[in-house]
Amino acid sequence: MKPGDRWCVVAVRWLQAYQAGAATGVVLAATNARALDVVPIEALRQHAVDVPDDISDLE
């Protein structure tokens, strides 16, 4: 992977990581609403990240 790449994580696995204190950032705009069937919105908001339009500083 390189800076700016995204990957999909199954909601149940993300919740397990969250409960273990190892959750990754979440791009809320790219998260399917069905994830809320599994993960509390508060948990997702705690880990929400914005993706900058210009990622050149990440490289």
N, C-alpha and C. Protein backbone atom coordinates (compact mmCIF):
# COMPACT_ATOMS: atom_id res chain seq x y z
N MET A 1 0.84 -1.18 0.00
CA MET A 1 0.00 0.00 0.00
C MET A 1 0.88 1.23 0.00
N LYS A 2 0.32 2.31 -0.50
CA LYS A 2 1.03 3.58 -0.51
C LYS A 2 0.12 4.67 0.06
N PRO A 3 0.68 5.80 0.47
CA PRO A 3 -0.15 6.87 1.03
C PRO A 3 -1.32 7.20 0.10
N GLY A 4 -2.48 7.35 0.70
CA GLY A 4 -3.68 7.67 -0.06
C GLY A 4 -4.53 6.46 -0.41
N ASP A 5 -3.93 5.25 -0.35
CA ASP A 5 -4.70 4.03 -0.63
C ASP A 5 -5.72 3.81 0.49
N ARG A 6 -6.81 3.17 0.13
CA ARG A 6 -7.82 2.81 1.12
C ARG A 6 -8.06 1.32 1.02
N TRP A 7 -8.56 0.74 2.08
CA TRP A 7 -8.92 -0.66 2.04
C TRP A 7 -10.21 -0.84 2.85
N CYS A 8 -10.91 -1.89 2.55
CA CYS A 8 -12.18 -2.19 3.21
C CYS A 8 -11.93 -3.15 4.36
N VAL A 9 -12.55 -2.86 5.48
CA VAL A 9 -12.47 -3.74 6.64
C VAL A 9 -13.90 -4.14 7.00
N VAL A 10 -14.12 -5.41 7.21
CA VAL A 10 -15.44 -5.90 7.61
C VAL A 10 -15.77 -5.30 8.98
N ALA A 11 -17.00 -4.84 9.15
CA ALA A 11 -17.40 -4.15 10.38
C ALA A 11 -17.14 -4.97 11.64
N VAL A 12 -17.39 -6.25 11.59
CA VAL A 12 -17.17 -7.10 12.76
C VAL A 12 -15.69 -7.11 13.14
N ARG A 13 -14.81 -7.17 12.16
CA ARG A 13 -13.36 -7.18 12.44
C ARG A 13 -12.91 -5.82 12.96
N TRP A 14 -13.47 -4.73 12.41
CA TRP A 14 -13.12 -3.40 12.90
C TRP A 14 -13.55 -3.27 14.35
N LEU A 15 -14.74 -3.76 14.68
CA LEU A 15 -15.23 -3.71 16.06
C LEU A 15 -14.32 -4.50 16.99
N GLN A 16 -13.85 -5.65 16.55
CA GLN A 16 -12.92 -6.43 17.37
C GLN A 16 -11.64 -5.64 17.63
N ALA A 17 -11.12 -4.99 16.60
CA ALA A 17 -9.92 -4.17 16.77
C ALA A 17 -10.19 -3.00 17.71
N TYR A 18 -11.34 -2.38 17.57
CA TYR A 18 -11.74 -1.28 18.45
C TYR A 18 -11.77 -1.74 19.91
N GLN A 19 -12.39 -2.87 20.14
CA GLN A 19 -12.50 -3.40 21.50
C GLN A 19 -11.14 -3.77 22.08
N ALA A 20 -10.18 -4.09 21.21
CA ALA A 20 -8.83 -4.42 21.64
C ALA A 20 -7.93 -3.19 21.71
N GLY A 21 -8.49 -2.02 21.40
CA GLY A 21 -7.71 -0.79 21.42
C GLY A 21 -6.80 -0.62 20.22
N ALA A 22 -7.13 -1.27 19.12
CA ALA A 22 -6.25 -1.23 17.94
C ALA A 22 -6.99 -0.83 16.66
N ALA A 23 -8.07 -0.07 16.80
CA ALA A 23 -8.85 0.32 15.62
C ALA A 23 -8.10 1.32 14.76
N THR A 24 -8.28 1.19 13.47
CA THR A 24 -7.69 2.11 12.51
C THR A 24 -8.64 3.27 12.26
N GLY A 25 -8.16 4.28 11.56
CA GLY A 25 -9.00 5.41 11.21
C GLY A 25 -10.13 5.01 10.27
N VAL A 26 -11.19 5.81 10.28
CA VAL A 26 -12.37 5.53 9.46
C VAL A 26 -12.71 6.76 8.64
N VAL A 27 -12.88 6.57 7.34
CA VAL A 27 -13.38 7.64 6.48
C VAL A 27 -14.90 7.49 6.48
N LEU A 28 -15.55 8.31 7.29
CA LEU A 28 -16.99 8.15 7.46
C LEU A 28 -17.76 8.27 6.15
N ALA A 29 -17.33 9.16 5.28
CA ALA A 29 -18.03 9.35 4.01
C ALA A 29 -17.96 8.10 3.13
N ALA A 30 -17.00 7.23 3.38
CA ALA A 30 -16.84 6.01 2.59
C ALA A 30 -17.36 4.78 3.32
N THR A 31 -17.98 4.99 4.48
CA THR A 31 -18.45 3.88 5.30
C THR A 31 -19.92 3.60 5.00
N ASN A 32 -20.22 2.35 4.72
CA ASN A 32 -21.59 1.96 4.43
C ASN A 32 -22.45 2.09 5.69
N ALA A 33 -23.65 2.60 5.54
CA ALA A 33 -24.56 2.79 6.67
C ALA A 33 -24.86 1.48 7.40
N ARG A 34 -24.75 0.37 6.72
CA ARG A 34 -25.02 -0.94 7.35
C ARG A 34 -23.99 -1.26 8.43
N ALA A 35 -22.84 -0.59 8.41
CA ALA A 35 -21.85 -0.80 9.46
C ALA A 35 -22.43 -0.45 10.83
N LEU A 36 -23.42 0.45 10.83
CA LEU A 36 -24.05 0.85 12.09
C LEU A 36 -24.88 -0.26 12.71
N ASP A 37 -25.15 -1.30 11.94
CA ASP A 37 -25.83 -2.48 12.50
C ASP A 37 -24.90 -3.24 13.44
N VAL A 38 -23.59 -2.99 13.31
CA VAL A 38 -22.58 -3.73 14.06
C VAL A 38 -21.78 -2.83 15.00
N VAL A 39 -21.43 -1.65 14.51
CA VAL A 39 -20.53 -0.75 15.23
C VAL A 39 -21.29 0.49 15.68
N PRO A 40 -21.16 0.87 16.95
CA PRO A 40 -21.81 2.10 17.42
C PRO A 40 -21.24 3.33 16.70
N ILE A 41 -22.11 4.26 16.35
CA ILE A 41 -21.67 5.47 15.65
C ILE A 41 -20.63 6.23 16.47
N GLU A 42 -20.73 6.19 17.79
CA GLU A 42 -19.76 6.90 18.63
C GLU A 42 -18.35 6.35 18.42
N ALA A 43 -18.25 5.04 18.26
CA ALA A 43 -16.93 4.42 18.03
C ALA A 43 -16.37 4.87 16.69
N LEU A 44 -17.21 4.90 15.67
CA LEU A 44 -16.75 5.35 14.35
C LEU A 44 -16.33 6.81 14.39
N ARG A 45 -17.11 7.63 15.06
CA ARG A 45 -16.78 9.06 15.14
C ARG A 45 -15.46 9.28 15.88
N GLN A 46 -15.18 8.48 16.89
CA GLN A 46 -13.92 8.61 17.64
C GLN A 46 -12.72 8.38 16.73
N HIS A 47 -12.89 7.58 15.69
CA HIS A 47 -11.79 7.21 14.82
C HIS A 47 -11.91 7.82 13.43
N ALA A 48 -12.81 8.79 13.28
CA ALA A 48 -13.01 9.42 11.98
C ALA A 48 -11.77 10.21 11.57
N VAL A 49 -11.42 10.09 10.30
CA VAL A 49 -10.31 10.84 9.73
C VAL A 49 -10.78 11.52 8.46
N ASP A 50 -10.22 12.67 8.20
CA ASP A 50 -10.49 13.35 6.94
C ASP A 50 -9.37 13.00 5.99
N VAL A 51 -9.72 12.82 4.75
CA VAL A 51 -8.72 12.54 3.72
C VAL A 51 -8.47 13.86 2.99
N PRO A 52 -7.23 14.36 3.05
CA PRO A 52 -6.96 15.62 2.36
C PRO A 52 -7.06 15.46 0.84
N ASP A 53 -7.45 16.55 0.17
CA ASP A 53 -7.51 16.53 -1.29
C ASP A 53 -6.13 16.31 -1.90
N ASP A 54 -5.12 16.91 -1.26
CA ASP A 54 -3.74 16.79 -1.75
C ASP A 54 -2.97 15.89 -0.78
N ILE A 55 -2.61 14.69 -1.22
CA ILE A 55 -1.90 13.75 -0.34
C ILE A 55 -0.39 13.77 -0.55
N SER A 56 0.11 14.73 -1.31
CA SER A 56 1.54 14.75 -1.62
C SER A 56 2.40 14.85 -0.35
N ASP A 57 1.88 15.45 0.70
CA ASP A 57 2.64 15.55 1.95
C ASP A 57 2.76 14.20 2.66
N LEU A 58 1.93 13.24 2.28
CA LEU A 58 1.96 11.92 2.91
C LEU A 58 3.01 11.01 2.30
N GLU A 59 3.49 11.36 1.13
CA GLU A 59 4.42 10.47 0.42
C GLU A 59 5.84 10.64 0.92
